[in-house]
Amino acid sequence: PFDKGGSGGFVQLKVYDVLGNEVRILVNENKTSGNYKIEFSSNNLPSGIYFYSLIMNGNIIDTKRMILLK
């Protein structure tokens, strides 16, 4: 499912709270392979633990945990 050939695909980067509720969609578009920087605005989100998932072509590639401190 992961395109290691380098052409890219449809990419989503989503942030979830600890209950699994989607709180932000940071990327939701076709991307070519490469490195990207995405700004995450945490306005209106309380401090706490969140998860973010990188999804490519409908398949979850990776999910990581992050701690938001304000």
C-alpha atoms as a PDB file:
ATOM      1  CA  PRO A   1       0.000   0.000   0.000  1.00  0.00           C
ATOM      2  CA  PHE A   2       2.851   2.462   0.638  1.00  0.00           C
ATOM      3  CA  ASP A   3       4.243   3.847  -2.589  1.00  0.00           C
ATOM      4  CA  LYS A   4       7.989   3.397  -2.194  1.00  0.00           C
ATOM      5  CA  GLY A   5       8.453   3.982  -5.908  1.00  0.00           C
ATOM      6  CA  GLY A   6       8.346   7.720  -5.396  1.00  0.00           C
ATOM      7  CA  SER A   7       5.261   8.917  -7.269  1.00  0.00           C
ATOM      8  CA  GLY A   8       3.124   9.736  -4.205  1.00  0.00           C
ATOM      9  CA  GLY A   9      -0.634   9.472  -3.808  1.00  0.00           C
ATOM     10  CA  PHE A  10      -3.602  10.728  -1.781  1.00  0.00           C
ATOM     11  CA  VAL A  11      -2.364  11.672   1.686  1.00  0.00           C
ATOM     12  CA  GLN A  12      -4.202  12.520   4.889  1.00  0.00           C
ATOM     13  CA  LEU A  13      -2.679  13.642   8.167  1.00  0.00           C
ATOM     14  CA  LYS A  14      -5.235  13.629  10.977  1.00  0.00           C
ATOM     15  CA  VAL A  15      -5.088  14.473  14.687  1.00  0.00           C
ATOM     16  CA  TYR A  16      -7.249  12.634  17.236  1.00  0.00           C
ATOM     17  CA  ASP A  17      -7.937  13.114  20.939  1.00  0.00           C
ATOM     18  CA  VAL A  18      -7.538  10.246  23.447  1.00  0.00           C
ATOM     19  CA  LEU A  19     -11.157   9.212  22.889  1.00  0.00           C
ATOM     20  CA  GLY A  20     -10.508   8.725  19.174  1.00  0.00           C
ATOM     21  CA  ASN A  21     -12.388  11.837  18.059  1.00  0.00           C
ATOM     22  CA  GLU A  22     -10.893  13.538  15.023  1.00  0.00           C
ATOM     23  CA  VAL A  23      -9.911  17.080  16.054  1.00  0.00           C
ATOM     24  CA  ARG A  24      -7.946  18.309  13.013  1.00  0.00           C
ATOM     25  CA  ILE A  25      -7.267  17.369   9.420  1.00  0.00           C
ATOM     26  CA  LEU A  26      -3.861  18.805   8.557  1.00  0.00           C
ATOM     27  CA  VAL A  27      -3.455  17.333   5.063  1.00  0.00           C
ATOM     28  CA  ASN A  28      -6.145  16.002   2.757  1.00  0.00           C
ATOM     29  CA  GLU A  29      -4.802  16.033  -0.813  1.00  0.00           C
ATOM     30  CA  ASN A  30      -2.649  14.361  -3.422  1.00  0.00           C
ATOM     31  CA  LYS A  31       1.059  14.734  -2.707  1.00  0.00           C
ATOM     32  CA  THR A  32       4.142  13.683  -4.598  1.00  0.00           C
ATOM     33  CA  SER A  33       6.778  11.769  -2.663  1.00  0.00           C
ATOM     34  CA  GLY A  34       9.089  13.946  -0.623  1.00  0.00           C
ATOM     35  CA  ASN A  35       9.501  15.753   2.673  1.00  0.00           C
ATOM     36  CA  TYR A  36       6.927  18.264   3.873  1.00  0.00           C
ATOM     37  CA  LYS A  37       6.471  20.599   6.829  1.00  0.00           C
ATOM     38  CA  ILE A  38       2.972  21.139   8.173  1.00  0.00           C
ATOM     39  CA  GLU A  39       2.023  23.767  10.747  1.00  0.00           C
ATOM     40  CA  PHE A  40      -0.304  22.557  13.466  1.00  0.00           C
ATOM     41  CA  SER A  41      -2.397  25.236  15.131  1.00  0.00           C
ATOM     42  CA  SER A  42      -3.438  24.054  18.561  1.00  0.00           C
ATOM     43  CA  ASN A  43      -5.789  26.985  19.146  1.00  0.00           C
ATOM     44  CA  ASN A  44      -8.950  25.904  20.947  1.00  0.00           C
ATOM     45  CA  LEU A  45      -7.405  22.561  21.993  1.00  0.00           C
ATOM     46  CA  PRO A  46      -6.667  21.904  25.669  1.00  0.00           C
ATOM     47  CA  SER A  47      -3.351  20.517  26.864  1.00  0.00           C
ATOM     48  CA  GLY A  48      -3.268  16.750  26.795  1.00  0.00           C
ATOM     49  CA  ILE A  49      -2.361  13.652  24.831  1.00  0.00           C
ATOM     50  CA  TYR A  50      -3.248  13.446  21.144  1.00  0.00           C
ATOM     51  CA  PHE A  51      -2.542  11.022  18.334  1.00  0.00           C
ATOM     52  CA  TYR A  52      -1.767  11.739  14.715  1.00  0.00           C
ATOM     53  CA  SER A  53      -2.124   9.325  11.811  1.00  0.00           C
ATOM     54  CA  LEU A  54      -0.529   9.460   8.392  1.00  0.00           C
ATOM     55  CA  ILE A  55      -2.817   7.817   5.849  1.00  0.00           C
ATOM     56  CA  MET A  56      -1.871   7.195   2.223  1.00  0.00           C
ATOM     57  CA  ASN A  57      -4.305   5.918  -0.380  1.00  0.00           C
ATOM     58  CA  GLY A  58      -6.711   4.889   2.401  1.00  0.00           C
ATOM     59  CA  ASN A  59      -4.191   2.791   4.354  1.00  0.00           C
ATOM     60  CA  ILE A  60      -2.818   3.886   7.733  1.00  0.00           C
ATOM     61  CA  ILE A  61       0.933   4.158   7.395  1.00  0.00           C
ATOM     62  CA  ASP A  62       1.789   5.281  10.915  1.00  0.00           C
ATOM     63  CA  THR A  63       0.161   6.561  14.102  1.00  0.00           C
ATOM     64  CA  LYS A  64       2.130   8.393  16.781  1.00  0.00           C
ATOM     65  CA  ARG A  65       1.344   9.958  20.141  1.00  0.00           C
ATOM     66  CA  MET A  66       2.065  13.588  21.041  1.00  0.00           C
ATOM     67  CA  ILE A  67       1.717  15.674  24.171  1.00  0.00           C
ATOM     68  CA  LEU A  68       0.330  19.194  23.823  1.00  0.00           C
ATOM     69  CA  LEU A  69       1.472  21.553  26.569  1.00  0.00           C
ATOM     70  CA  LYS A  70       0.259  25.126  26.797  1.00  0.00           C
END
